[in-house]
Amino acid sequence: MARQPAKSTQALKRVHRNLSKDQVDALRRDLAQTVPIAHASIAQLVRTMRLATRRSQNEYAQLCGVAPRVLKRIEAGELHVQLESLEKLIKPFGYAIGLVQIES
């Protein structure tokens, strides 16, 4: 027998269909004001963090608990890296991963 989703889950699935165009536009404006604008790429930021610690790629990777090849890929701007690895690389500076707007 198939399990039915909780009623609150069902209500959440329907709420997007009940929003008017004005409500959707207002949500988009609120989101745009809440999310900061990105001024640098992840590759630039991670490289700058590493250089600020005066460490080589191998040393910084060891400090953060990631493989040196992962750090090299991130600094090279490759897009297919695990979120967990990126989190480890920014943790020494007290940063967390979040959303930013792309500068246009």
Foldseek 3Di string as FASTA:
>chain_A
DDDDDDPVVVVVVCPVVPDDPVRVVVVVVVVQVVAAADPDALLVVLVVVCVVVVDDLCVLCVVLVHHSVLNVCVNVPPDPHDLVSSQSSCVVVPDHDDDHHYDD
